[in-house]
Amino acid sequence: MSQKSSFDCSTATWSNNATCTWNRVHFKDSKGNLIKTVEANEGDDILSIAHEYDIDLEGACEGSVACSTCHVIVDPEHYDLLPEPEDDENDMLDMAFGLTDTSRLGCQVKLARGLDGITATLPSATRNMFVDGKKPTHH
């Protein structure tokens, strides 16, 4: 992914029926304050975008759907446009801190047409089961 211009796809008029292949993503903190608005390509996932733009979204399992540390809260307007979460994502979301009706794993939210302007709010905390739930071994 590379940084895009400030061109606005939503108001563009094209003579050759071309379409924009990137979307704006708004990242907010747990209090609703805007952290950063970035532009990313269709097909990119929220976790990768956050890492590219130095937004503090952990992703301990590196997108393998084995943790809930990339949990984000998607704005309701865009949440309804996303495909339903798979069972493995729902299993991990069950362990997420601050779960809401519009919670998703950032690694599973892929940008697509119609998602321009999506907002991903970071929860106030994450739960890393490997670190937080690790039991010490006896020697």
C-alpha atoms as a PDB file:
ATOM      1  CA  MET A   1       0.000   0.000   0.000  1.00  0.00           C
ATOM      2  CA  SER A   2       1.200   3.444  -0.733  1.00  0.00           C
ATOM      3  CA  GLN A   3      -0.098   6.783   0.395  1.00  0.00           C
ATOM      4  CA  LYS A   4      -2.787   8.151  -1.922  1.00  0.00           C
ATOM      5  CA  SER A   5      -3.656  11.653  -3.082  1.00  0.00           C
ATOM      6  CA  SER A   6      -6.488  13.656  -1.540  1.00  0.00           C
ATOM      7  CA  PHE A   7      -8.756  12.937  -4.536  1.00  0.00           C
ATOM      8  CA  ASP A   8     -12.338  12.166  -3.456  1.00  0.00           C
ATOM      9  CA  CYS A   9     -13.756   9.019  -5.105  1.00  0.00           C
ATOM     10  CA  SER A  10     -17.280   9.733  -3.896  1.00  0.00           C
ATOM     11  CA  THR A  11     -17.615  12.824  -6.108  1.00  0.00           C
ATOM     12  CA  ALA A  12     -15.523  11.692  -9.072  1.00  0.00           C
ATOM     13  CA  THR A  13     -16.863  11.678 -12.597  1.00  0.00           C
ATOM     14  CA  TRP A  14     -15.152   9.339 -15.019  1.00  0.00           C
ATOM     15  CA  SER A  15     -15.290   9.461 -18.797  1.00  0.00           C
ATOM     16  CA  ASN A  16     -14.136   5.854 -19.252  1.00  0.00           C
ATOM     17  CA  ASN A  17     -16.248   4.179 -16.512  1.00  0.00           C
ATOM     18  CA  ALA A  18     -13.145   3.724 -14.337  1.00  0.00           C
ATOM     19  CA  THR A  19     -13.678   3.366 -10.599  1.00  0.00           C
ATOM     20  CA  CYS A  20     -11.669   4.157  -7.511  1.00  0.00           C
ATOM     21  CA  THR A  21      -9.911   1.192  -5.972  1.00  0.00           C
ATOM     22  CA  TRP A  22      -9.191   2.759  -2.602  1.00  0.00           C
ATOM     23  CA  ASN A  23     -11.165   3.813   0.426  1.00  0.00           C
ATOM     24  CA  ARG A  24     -10.763   6.287   3.251  1.00  0.00           C
ATOM     25  CA  VAL A  25     -10.548   4.693   6.688  1.00  0.00           C
ATOM     26  CA  HIS A  26     -11.071   6.724   9.857  1.00  0.00           C
ATOM     27  CA  PHE A  27      -9.392   5.364  12.979  1.00  0.00           C
ATOM     28  CA  LYS A  28     -10.708   6.571  16.335  1.00  0.00           C
ATOM     29  CA  ASP A  29      -9.609   5.914  19.898  1.00  0.00           C
ATOM     30  CA  SER A  30     -11.902   4.399  22.514  1.00  0.00           C
ATOM     31  CA  LYS A  31     -13.224   7.850  23.453  1.00  0.00           C
ATOM     32  CA  GLY A  32     -14.255   8.614  19.868  1.00  0.00           C
ATOM     33  CA  ASN A  33     -11.403  10.988  19.125  1.00  0.00           C
ATOM     34  CA  LEU A  34     -10.062  10.799  15.580  1.00  0.00           C
ATOM     35  CA  ILE A  35      -6.561   9.284  15.519  1.00  0.00           C
ATOM     36  CA  LYS A  36      -6.003   9.464  11.783  1.00  0.00           C
ATOM     37  CA  THR A  37      -7.788   9.226   8.437  1.00  0.00           C
ATOM     38  CA  VAL A  38      -5.895   7.219   5.833  1.00  0.00           C
ATOM     39  CA  GLU A  39      -6.467   5.937   2.320  1.00  0.00           C
ATOM     40  CA  ALA A  40      -6.004   2.293   1.378  1.00  0.00           C
ATOM     41  CA  ASN A  41      -6.688  -0.061  -1.511  1.00  0.00           C
ATOM     42  CA  GLU A  42      -9.683  -2.317  -1.932  1.00  0.00           C
ATOM     43  CA  GLY A  43      -8.696  -5.756  -0.636  1.00  0.00           C
ATOM     44  CA  ASP A  44      -6.489  -4.378   2.166  1.00  0.00           C
ATOM     45  CA  ASP A  45      -7.523  -5.317   5.694  1.00  0.00           C
ATOM     46  CA  ILE A  46      -7.919  -2.937   8.643  1.00  0.00           C
ATOM     47  CA  LEU A  47      -5.078  -4.564  10.616  1.00  0.00           C
ATOM     48  CA  SER A  48      -2.532  -4.176   7.794  1.00  0.00           C
ATOM     49  CA  ILE A  49      -3.657  -0.615   7.138  1.00  0.00           C
ATOM     50  CA  ALA A  50      -3.285   0.261  10.827  1.00  0.00           C
ATOM     51  CA  HIS A  51       0.237  -1.170  10.898  1.00  0.00           C
ATOM     52  CA  GLU A  52       1.244   0.677   7.727  1.00  0.00           C
ATOM     53  CA  TYR A  53       0.130   4.001   9.195  1.00  0.00           C
ATOM     54  CA  ASP A  54       1.545   3.381  12.709  1.00  0.00           C
ATOM     55  CA  ILE A  55      -1.836   3.087  14.393  1.00  0.00           C
ATOM     56  CA  ASP A  56      -1.657   1.108  17.632  1.00  0.00           C
ATOM     57  CA  LEU A  57      -3.673  -2.008  16.720  1.00  0.00           C
ATOM     58  CA  GLU A  58      -1.834  -5.044  18.064  1.00  0.00           C
ATOM     59  CA  GLY A  59      -2.581  -8.108  15.906  1.00  0.00           C
ATOM     60  CA  ALA A  60      -0.585 -10.588  18.012  1.00  0.00           C
ATOM     61  CA  CYS A  61      -1.379 -13.563  15.745  1.00  0.00           C
ATOM     62  CA  GLU A  62      -0.491 -11.588  12.606  1.00  0.00           C
ATOM     63  CA  GLY A  63      -3.920 -12.054  11.064  1.00  0.00           C
ATOM     64  CA  SER A  64      -4.269 -15.821  11.461  1.00  0.00           C
ATOM     65  CA  VAL A  65      -7.561 -15.472  13.430  1.00  0.00           C
ATOM     66  CA  ALA A  66      -5.990 -16.969  16.538  1.00  0.00           C
ATOM     67  CA  CYS A  67      -6.477 -14.002  18.905  1.00  0.00           C
ATOM     68  CA  SER A  68      -8.681 -10.965  19.396  1.00  0.00           C
ATOM     69  CA  THR A  69      -6.024  -8.267  19.726  1.00  0.00           C
ATOM     70  CA  CYS A  70      -7.007  -6.598  16.426  1.00  0.00           C
ATOM     71  CA  HIS A  71     -10.606  -6.172  17.634  1.00  0.00           C
ATOM     72  CA  VAL A  72     -12.156  -2.973  16.277  1.00  0.00           C
ATOM     73  CA  ILE A  73     -15.626  -1.484  16.525  1.00  0.00           C
ATOM     74  CA  VAL A  74     -16.990  -0.644  13.089  1.00  0.00           C
ATOM     75  CA  ASP A  75     -19.489   2.170  12.607  1.00  0.00           C
ATOM     76  CA  PRO A  76     -23.012   0.741  12.154  1.00  0.00           C
ATOM     77  CA  GLU A  77     -23.468   2.282   8.696  1.00  0.00           C
ATOM     78  CA  HIS A  78     -20.537   0.291   7.304  1.00  0.00           C
ATOM     79  CA  TYR A  79     -20.869  -2.779   9.537  1.00  0.00           C
ATOM     80  CA  ASP A  80     -24.057  -3.761   7.727  1.00  0.00           C
ATOM     81  CA  LEU A  81     -22.185  -3.693   4.400  1.00  0.00           C
ATOM     82  CA  LEU A  82     -19.570  -6.224   5.549  1.00  0.00           C
ATOM     83  CA  PRO A  83     -19.885  -9.964   4.932  1.00  0.00           C
ATOM     84  CA  GLU A  84     -20.993 -11.942   7.987  1.00  0.00           C
ATOM     85  CA  PRO A  85     -18.087 -13.047  10.222  1.00  0.00           C
ATOM     86  CA  GLU A  86     -16.971 -16.666   9.841  1.00  0.00           C
ATOM     87  CA  ASP A  87     -17.244 -19.014  12.842  1.00  0.00           C
ATOM     88  CA  ASP A  88     -13.529 -18.745  13.704  1.00  0.00           C
ATOM     89  CA  GLU A  89     -13.788 -14.951  13.839  1.00  0.00           C
ATOM     90  CA  ASN A  90     -16.868 -15.158  16.068  1.00  0.00           C
ATOM     91  CA  ASP A  91     -14.989 -17.553  18.378  1.00  0.00           C
ATOM     92  CA  MET A  92     -12.161 -15.037  18.772  1.00  0.00           C
ATOM     93  CA  LEU A  93     -14.554 -12.109  19.165  1.00  0.00           C
ATOM     94  CA  ASP A  94     -16.123 -13.925  22.117  1.00  0.00           C
ATOM     95  CA  MET A  95     -12.805 -13.337  23.918  1.00  0.00           C
ATOM     96  CA  ALA A  96     -12.469  -9.669  22.903  1.00  0.00           C
ATOM     97  CA  PHE A  97     -12.483  -6.946  25.530  1.00  0.00           C
ATOM     98  CA  GLY A  98     -15.372  -4.497  25.165  1.00  0.00           C
ATOM     99  CA  LEU A  99     -17.314  -6.520  22.596  1.00  0.00           C
ATOM    100  CA  THR A 100     -20.152  -4.629  20.852  1.00  0.00           C
ATOM    101  CA  ASP A 101     -22.796  -5.464  18.259  1.00  0.00           C
ATOM    102  CA  THR A 102     -20.508  -4.022  15.558  1.00  0.00           C
ATOM    103  CA  SER A 103     -17.234  -5.593  16.690  1.00  0.00           C
ATOM    104  CA  ARG A 104     -15.009  -7.276  14.112  1.00  0.00           C
ATOM    105  CA  LEU A 105     -11.427  -8.480  13.927  1.00  0.00           C
ATOM    106  CA  GLY A 106      -9.446  -5.934  11.947  1.00  0.00           C
ATOM    107  CA  CYS A 107      -7.601  -8.709  10.117  1.00  0.00           C
ATOM    108  CA  GLN A 108     -10.927  -9.937   8.712  1.00  0.00           C
ATOM    109  CA  VAL A 109     -12.343  -6.596   7.551  1.00  0.00           C
ATOM    110  CA  LYS A 110     -11.264  -6.242   3.925  1.00  0.00           C
ATOM    111  CA  LEU A 111     -11.938  -2.975   2.153  1.00  0.00           C
ATOM    112  CA  ALA A 112     -14.345  -3.232  -0.755  1.00  0.00           C
ATOM    113  CA  ARG A 113     -16.477  -0.986  -2.899  1.00  0.00           C
ATOM    114  CA  GLY A 114     -18.998   0.876  -0.761  1.00  0.00           C
ATOM    115  CA  LEU A 115     -16.765   1.010   2.330  1.00  0.00           C
ATOM    116  CA  ASP A 116     -15.248   4.432   1.641  1.00  0.00           C
ATOM    117  CA  GLY A 117     -15.372   6.398   4.897  1.00  0.00           C
ATOM    118  CA  ILE A 118     -15.511   3.355   7.194  1.00  0.00           C
ATOM    119  CA  THR A 119     -14.672   4.110  10.823  1.00  0.00           C
ATOM    120  CA  ALA A 120     -12.734   1.638  12.968  1.00  0.00           C
ATOM    121  CA  THR A 121     -12.751   2.514  16.655  1.00  0.00           C
ATOM    122  CA  LEU A 122     -10.101   0.915  18.837  1.00  0.00           C
ATOM    123  CA  PRO A 123     -11.380  -0.543  22.116  1.00  0.00           C
ATOM    124  CA  SER A 124      -9.998   0.765  25.407  1.00  0.00           C
ATOM    125  CA  ALA A 125      -8.044  -2.473  25.964  1.00  0.00           C
ATOM    126  CA  THR A 126      -7.248  -5.800  24.328  1.00  0.00           C
ATOM    127  CA  ARG A 127      -7.039  -9.278  25.719  1.00  0.00           C
ATOM    128  CA  ASN A 128      -4.025 -11.297  24.593  1.00  0.00           C
ATOM    129  CA  MET A 129      -4.714 -14.818  25.833  1.00  0.00           C
ATOM    130  CA  PHE A 130      -1.149 -16.016  25.312  1.00  0.00           C
ATOM    131  CA  VAL A 131       0.304 -13.245  27.448  1.00  0.00           C
ATOM    132  CA  ASP A 132      -2.626 -12.423  29.735  1.00  0.00           C
ATOM    133  CA  GLY A 133      -3.756 -16.000  30.246  1.00  0.00           C
ATOM    134  CA  LYS A 134      -0.364 -17.717  30.259  1.00  0.00           C
ATOM    135  CA  LYS A 135       0.189 -19.845  33.327  1.00  0.00           C
ATOM    136  CA  PRO A 136       3.727 -20.148  34.614  1.00  0.00           C
ATOM    137  CA  THR A 137       5.380 -23.532  34.292  1.00  0.00           C
ATOM    138  CA  HIS A 138       6.980 -25.184  37.304  1.00  0.00           C
ATOM    139  CA  HIS A 139      10.638 -26.128  37.161  1.00  0.00           C
END
